């Protein structure tokens, strides 16, 4: 586990850490599967997944067999980095274009 993941997990409750470790080790689960695997209540699993999603450690997707159900998976450090790159590129392009636009208006 990388340092960034540890830092994101540190302030979270133990239930969220457990859910993250299960998702990281075992792959995708729906809420019921996570509750069975972790032996936590579905309400606790729902809370844990919500906290993990807020900090970007877990993503929600549709169940391929039943689109009414959600499945969750741990987001790898590489996935988090890739998601951050387009934003950084867009920000730097905007900053680079801003002085030219200001000069053109004068």
N, C-alpha and C. Protein backbone atom coordinates (compact mmCIF):
# COMPACT_ATOMS: atom_id res chain seq x y z
N UNK A 1 0.85 -1.17 0.00
CA UNK A 1 0.00 0.00 0.00
C UNK A 1 0.90 1.24 0.00
N UNK A 2 0.58 2.19 -0.83
CA UNK A 2 1.40 3.40 -0.94
C UNK A 2 1.10 4.38 0.20
N UNK A 3 2.01 5.33 0.37
CA UNK A 3 1.90 6.31 1.46
C UNK A 3 0.64 7.18 1.32
N UNK A 4 0.29 7.55 0.10
CA UNK A 4 -0.91 8.37 -0.11
C UNK A 4 -2.17 7.67 0.35
N UNK A 5 -2.26 6.38 0.08
CA UNK A 5 -3.42 5.60 0.52
C UNK A 5 -3.47 5.54 2.03
N UNK A 6 -2.32 5.30 2.66
CA UNK A 6 -2.26 5.26 4.13
C UNK A 6 -2.75 6.58 4.73
N UNK A 7 -2.31 7.68 4.15
CA UNK A 7 -2.71 9.00 4.66
C UNK A 7 -4.22 9.22 4.52
N UNK A 8 -4.79 8.75 3.41
CA UNK A 8 -6.23 8.91 3.22
C UNK A 8 -7.03 8.02 4.17
N UNK A 9 -6.50 6.83 4.48
CA UNK A 9 -7.19 5.90 5.37
C UNK A 9 -7.08 6.28 6.84
N UNK A 10 -6.00 6.93 7.21
CA UNK A 10 -5.70 7.17 8.63
C UNK A 10 -6.86 7.78 9.43
N UNK A 11 -7.51 8.84 8.96
CA UNK A 11 -8.57 9.43 9.79
C UNK A 11 -9.92 8.69 9.73
N UNK A 12 -10.02 7.69 8.87
CA UNK A 12 -11.30 7.00 8.69
C UNK A 12 -11.55 5.99 9.81
N UNK A 13 -12.82 5.66 10.06
CA UNK A 13 -13.15 4.68 11.10
C UNK A 13 -12.66 3.28 10.72
N UNK A 14 -12.48 2.41 11.72
CA UNK A 14 -12.01 1.05 11.46
C UNK A 14 -12.87 0.29 10.44
N UNK A 15 -14.17 0.51 10.45
CA UNK A 15 -15.04 -0.19 9.50
C UNK A 15 -14.69 0.18 8.07
N UNK A 16 -14.38 1.44 7.82
CA UNK A 16 -14.02 1.88 6.47
C UNK A 16 -12.69 1.26 6.05
N UNK A 17 -11.75 1.17 6.98
CA UNK A 17 -10.45 0.55 6.68
C UNK A 17 -10.64 -0.92 6.32
N UNK A 18 -11.47 -1.62 7.09
CA UNK A 18 -11.74 -3.03 6.82
C UNK A 18 -12.36 -3.20 5.43
N UNK A 19 -13.35 -2.40 5.12
CA UNK A 19 -14.01 -2.48 3.81
C UNK A 19 -12.99 -2.22 2.71
N UNK A 20 -12.13 -1.23 2.88
CA UNK A 20 -11.12 -0.93 1.87
C UNK A 20 -10.18 -2.12 1.68
N UNK A 21 -9.69 -2.70 2.78
CA UNK A 21 -8.76 -3.83 2.67
C UNK A 21 -9.41 -5.01 1.95
N UNK A 22 -10.68 -5.27 2.22
CA UNK A 22 -11.38 -6.36 1.54
C UNK A 22 -11.51 -6.05 0.05
N UNK A 23 -11.89 -4.84 -0.29
CA UNK A 23 -12.02 -4.48 -1.71
C UNK A 23 -10.68 -4.54 -2.42
N UNK A 24 -9.63 -4.09 -1.75
CA UNK A 24 -8.30 -4.11 -2.36
C UNK A 24 -7.82 -5.54 -2.59
N UNK A 25 -8.07 -6.42 -1.63
CA UNK A 25 -7.58 -7.79 -1.72
C UNK A 25 -8.45 -8.69 -2.59
N UNK A 26 -9.76 -8.50 -2.52
CA UNK A 26 -10.69 -9.43 -3.16
C UNK A 26 -11.33 -8.93 -4.44
N UNK A 27 -11.29 -7.64 -4.69
CA UNK A 27 -11.89 -7.11 -5.92
C UNK A 27 -13.24 -6.46 -5.68
N UNK A 28 -14.14 -6.63 -6.62
CA UNK A 28 -15.45 -5.97 -6.60
C UNK A 28 -16.45 -6.71 -5.72
N UNK A 29 -17.25 -5.91 -5.02
CA UNK A 29 -18.33 -6.46 -4.20
C UNK A 29 -19.52 -5.52 -4.26
N UNK A 30 -20.71 -6.09 -4.11
CA UNK A 30 -21.87 -5.25 -3.86
C UNK A 30 -21.99 -5.07 -2.35
N UNK A 31 -22.95 -4.28 -1.93
CA UNK A 31 -23.08 -3.98 -0.51
C UNK A 31 -23.34 -5.23 0.33
N UNK A 32 -24.19 -6.10 -0.17
CA UNK A 32 -24.50 -7.33 0.55
C UNK A 32 -23.27 -8.22 0.67
N UNK A 33 -22.53 -8.35 -0.42
CA UNK A 33 -21.31 -9.15 -0.41
C UNK A 33 -20.28 -8.61 0.56
N UNK A 34 -20.15 -7.28 0.60
CA UNK A 34 -19.22 -6.67 1.56
C UNK A 34 -19.65 -6.94 2.99
N UNK A 35 -20.95 -6.86 3.25
CA UNK A 35 -21.46 -7.13 4.60
C UNK A 35 -21.17 -8.57 5.00
N UNK A 36 -21.36 -9.50 4.08
CA UNK A 36 -21.08 -10.91 4.37
C UNK A 36 -19.59 -11.14 4.59
N UNK A 37 -18.77 -10.57 3.73
CA UNK A 37 -17.32 -10.78 3.79
C UNK A 37 -16.70 -10.16 5.05
N UNK A 38 -17.17 -8.99 5.43
CA UNK A 38 -16.60 -8.28 6.58
C UNK A 38 -17.31 -8.59 7.89
N UNK A 39 -18.50 -9.19 7.79
CA UNK A 39 -19.36 -9.46 8.95
C UNK A 39 -19.82 -8.17 9.64
N UNK A 40 -19.89 -7.10 8.85
CA UNK A 40 -20.43 -5.83 9.33
C UNK A 40 -21.89 -5.73 8.90
N UNK A 41 -22.66 -4.90 9.56
CA UNK A 41 -24.05 -4.70 9.14
C UNK A 41 -24.07 -3.94 7.82
N UNK A 42 -25.15 -4.08 7.07
CA UNK A 42 -25.24 -3.37 5.79
C UNK A 42 -25.22 -1.86 6.01
N UNK A 43 -25.78 -1.40 7.10
CA UNK A 43 -25.75 0.04 7.40
C UNK A 43 -24.31 0.52 7.62
N UNK A 44 -23.53 -0.26 8.35
CA UNK A 44 -22.12 0.09 8.59
C UNK A 44 -21.34 0.05 7.29
N UNK A 45 -21.61 -0.94 6.45
CA UNK A 45 -20.93 -1.03 5.15
C UNK A 45 -21.30 0.18 4.30
N UNK A 46 -22.56 0.55 4.28
CA UNK A 46 -22.99 1.72 3.51
C UNK A 46 -22.25 2.98 3.97
N UNK A 47 -22.14 3.17 5.27
CA UNK A 47 -21.42 4.32 5.83
C UNK A 47 -19.94 4.27 5.44
N UNK A 48 -19.33 3.09 5.55
CA UNK A 48 -17.91 2.94 5.22
C UNK A 48 -17.65 3.24 3.74
N UNK A 49 -18.49 2.71 2.87
CA UNK A 49 -18.34 2.95 1.44
C UNK A 49 -18.51 4.44 1.13
N UNK A 50 -19.45 5.08 1.79
CA UNK A 50 -19.67 6.51 1.59
C UNK A 50 -18.41 7.30 1.96
N UNK A 51 -17.81 6.99 3.10
CA UNK A 51 -16.59 7.68 3.53
C UNK A 51 -15.43 7.41 2.57
N UNK A 52 -15.29 6.17 2.13
CA UNK A 52 -14.21 5.81 1.21
C UNK A 52 -14.39 6.48 -0.15
N UNK A 53 -15.62 6.61 -0.59
CA UNK A 53 -15.91 7.27 -1.86
C UNK A 53 -15.59 8.76 -1.76
N UNK A 54 -15.93 9.37 -0.64
CA UNK A 54 -15.66 10.80 -0.44
C UNK A 54 -14.18 11.14 -0.56
N UNK A 55 -13.31 10.25 -0.08
CA UNK A 55 -11.87 10.53 -0.13
C UNK A 55 -11.21 9.96 -1.39
N UNK A 56 -11.99 9.31 -2.25
CA UNK A 56 -11.47 8.82 -3.52
C UNK A 56 -10.78 7.48 -3.49
N UNK A 57 -11.01 6.69 -2.45
CA UNK A 57 -10.38 5.37 -2.36
C UNK A 57 -11.25 4.26 -2.95
N UNK A 58 -12.53 4.54 -3.14
CA UNK A 58 -13.46 3.54 -3.67
C UNK A 58 -14.33 4.21 -4.73
N UNK A 59 -14.62 3.46 -5.78
CA UNK A 59 -15.54 3.93 -6.81
C UNK A 59 -16.72 2.99 -6.91
N UNK A 60 -17.84 3.56 -7.29
CA UNK A 60 -19.08 2.81 -7.45
C UNK A 60 -19.34 2.58 -8.92
N UNK A 61 -19.80 1.39 -9.25
CA UNK A 61 -20.16 1.08 -10.63
C UNK A 61 -21.43 0.26 -10.65
N UNK A 62 -21.91 -0.04 -11.84
CA UNK A 62 -23.12 -0.85 -11.98
C UNK A 62 -22.77 -2.33 -12.01
N UNK A 63 -23.61 -3.11 -11.40
CA UNK A 63 -23.45 -4.56 -11.42
C UNK A 63 -23.75 -5.05 -12.84
N UNK A 64 -22.86 -5.83 -13.45
CA UNK A 64 -23.10 -6.28 -14.83
C UNK A 64 -24.31 -7.21 -14.97
N UNK A 65 -24.68 -7.91 -13.89
CA UNK A 65 -25.81 -8.82 -13.96
C UNK A 65 -27.13 -8.18 -13.58
N UNK A 66 -27.07 -7.07 -12.82
CA UNK A 66 -28.28 -6.41 -12.36
C UNK A 66 -28.00 -4.92 -12.22
N UNK A 67 -28.40 -4.15 -13.21
CA UNK A 67 -28.08 -2.72 -13.27
C UNK A 67 -28.71 -1.92 -12.12
N UNK A 68 -29.63 -2.53 -11.39
CA UNK A 68 -30.22 -1.83 -10.24
C UNK A 68 -29.29 -1.84 -9.03
N UNK A 69 -28.28 -2.70 -9.07
CA UNK A 69 -27.37 -2.84 -7.94
C UNK A 69 -26.04 -2.16 -8.24
N UNK A 70 -25.41 -1.68 -7.22
CA UNK A 70 -24.09 -1.07 -7.36
C UNK A 70 -23.02 -2.04 -6.90
N UNK A 71 -21.86 -1.97 -7.52
CA UNK A 71 -20.69 -2.70 -7.06
C UNK A 71 -19.60 -1.68 -6.77
N UNK A 72 -18.73 -2.03 -5.87
CA UNK A 72 -17.68 -1.12 -5.44
C UNK A 72 -16.32 -1.77 -5.65
N UNK A 73 -15.33 -0.94 -5.96
CA UNK A 73 -13.96 -1.45 -6.05
C UNK A 73 -12.99 -0.40 -5.53
N UNK A 74 -11.87 -0.89 -5.02
CA UNK A 74 -10.83 0.00 -4.51
C UNK A 74 -10.15 0.67 -5.69
N UNK A 75 -9.86 1.95 -5.54
CA UNK A 75 -9.17 2.71 -6.57
C UNK A 75 -7.68 2.62 -6.30
N UNK A 76 -6.93 2.15 -7.29
CA UNK A 76 -5.49 2.02 -7.11
C UNK A 76 -4.82 3.38 -7.16
N UNK A 77 -3.61 3.48 -6.60
CA UNK A 77 -2.87 4.75 -6.69
C UNK A 77 -2.69 5.21 -8.14
N UNK A 78 -2.45 4.28 -9.05
CA UNK A 78 -2.29 4.64 -10.46
C UNK A 78 -3.57 5.23 -11.03
N UNK A 79 -4.72 4.66 -10.66
CA UNK A 79 -6.01 5.20 -11.12
C UNK A 79 -6.24 6.60 -10.56
N UNK A 80 -5.88 6.81 -9.29
CA UNK A 80 -6.04 8.14 -8.69
C UNK A 80 -5.13 9.14 -9.38
N UNK A 81 -3.89 8.74 -9.67
CA UNK A 81 -2.94 9.63 -10.35
C UNK A 81 -3.43 9.97 -11.75
N UNK A 82 -3.94 8.97 -12.47
CA UNK A 82 -4.44 9.20 -13.83
C UNK A 82 -5.65 10.13 -13.81
N UNK A 83 -6.48 10.01 -12.81
CA UNK A 83 -7.65 10.88 -12.71
C UNK A 83 -7.24 12.31 -12.40
N UNK A 84 -6.14 12.49 -11.69
CA UNK A 84 -5.67 13.83 -11.35
C UNK A 84 -4.95 14.52 -12.50
N UNK A 85 -4.32 13.78 -13.39
CA UNK A 85 -3.52 14.36 -14.47
C UNK A 85 -4.31 15.26 -15.42
N UNK A 86 -5.46 14.86 -15.94
CA UNK A 86 -6.17 15.75 -16.87
C UNK A 86 -6.55 17.08 -16.23
N UNK A 87 -6.89 17.07 -14.95
CA UNK A 87 -7.22 18.32 -14.27
C UNK A 87 -6.01 19.23 -14.20
N UNK A 88 -4.85 18.67 -13.90
CA UNK A 88 -3.63 19.47 -13.80
C UNK A 88 -3.28 20.04 -15.17
N UNK A 89 -3.45 19.24 -16.22
CA UNK A 89 -3.15 19.70 -17.57
C UNK A 89 -4.10 20.82 -17.97
N UNK A 90 -5.38 20.66 -17.66
CA UNK A 90 -6.36 21.69 -18.00
C UNK A 90 -6.07 22.98 -17.23
N UNK A 91 -5.70 22.87 -15.96
CA UNK A 91 -5.39 24.06 -15.17
C UNK A 91 -4.17 24.78 -15.71
N UNK A 92 -3.13 24.04 -16.06
CA UNK A 92 -1.91 24.68 -16.55
C UNK A 92 -2.15 25.33 -17.91
N UNK A 93 -2.98 24.72 -18.74
CA UNK A 93 -3.28 25.32 -20.05
C UNK A 93 -4.07 26.61 -19.86
N UNK A 94 -4.98 26.63 -18.93
CA UNK A 94 -5.77 27.83 -18.67
C UNK A 94 -4.88 28.95 -18.15
N UNK A 95 -3.97 28.62 -17.24
CA UNK A 95 -3.06 29.62 -16.70
C UNK A 95 -2.14 30.17 -17.78
N UNK A 96 -1.68 29.30 -18.67
CA UNK A 96 -0.78 29.74 -19.74
C UNK A 96 -1.51 30.65 -20.72
N UNK A 97 -2.79 30.39 -20.97
CA UNK A 97 -3.55 31.19 -21.91
C UNK A 97 -4.01 32.52 -21.32
N UNK A 98 -4.12 32.61 -20.01
CA UNK A 98 -4.65 33.80 -19.36
C UNK A 98 -3.84 35.06 -19.67
N UNK A 99 -2.50 35.05 -19.57
CA UNK A 99 -1.76 36.28 -19.86
C UNK A 99 -1.93 36.73 -21.31
N UNK A 100 -1.97 35.79 -22.24
CA UNK A 100 -2.15 36.13 -23.65
C UNK A 100 -3.51 36.79 -23.87
N UNK A 101 -4.52 36.28 -23.21
CA UNK A 101 -5.86 36.85 -23.34
C UNK A 101 -5.90 38.25 -22.74
N UNK A 102 -5.21 38.44 -21.63
CA UNK A 102 -5.19 39.76 -20.99
C UNK A 102 -4.47 40.77 -21.87
N UNK A 103 -3.39 40.36 -22.53
CA UNK A 103 -2.64 41.25 -23.41
C UNK A 103 -3.48 41.59 -24.63
N UNK A 104 -4.21 40.61 -25.16
CA UNK A 104 -5.02 40.83 -26.35
C UNK A 104 -6.14 41.83 -26.07
N UNK A 105 -6.65 41.85 -24.84
CA UNK A 105 -7.74 42.77 -24.51
C UNK A 105 -7.26 44.20 -24.39
N UNK A 106 -5.97 44.40 -24.05
CA UNK A 106 -5.44 45.77 -23.88
C UNK A 106 -5.32 46.38 -25.22
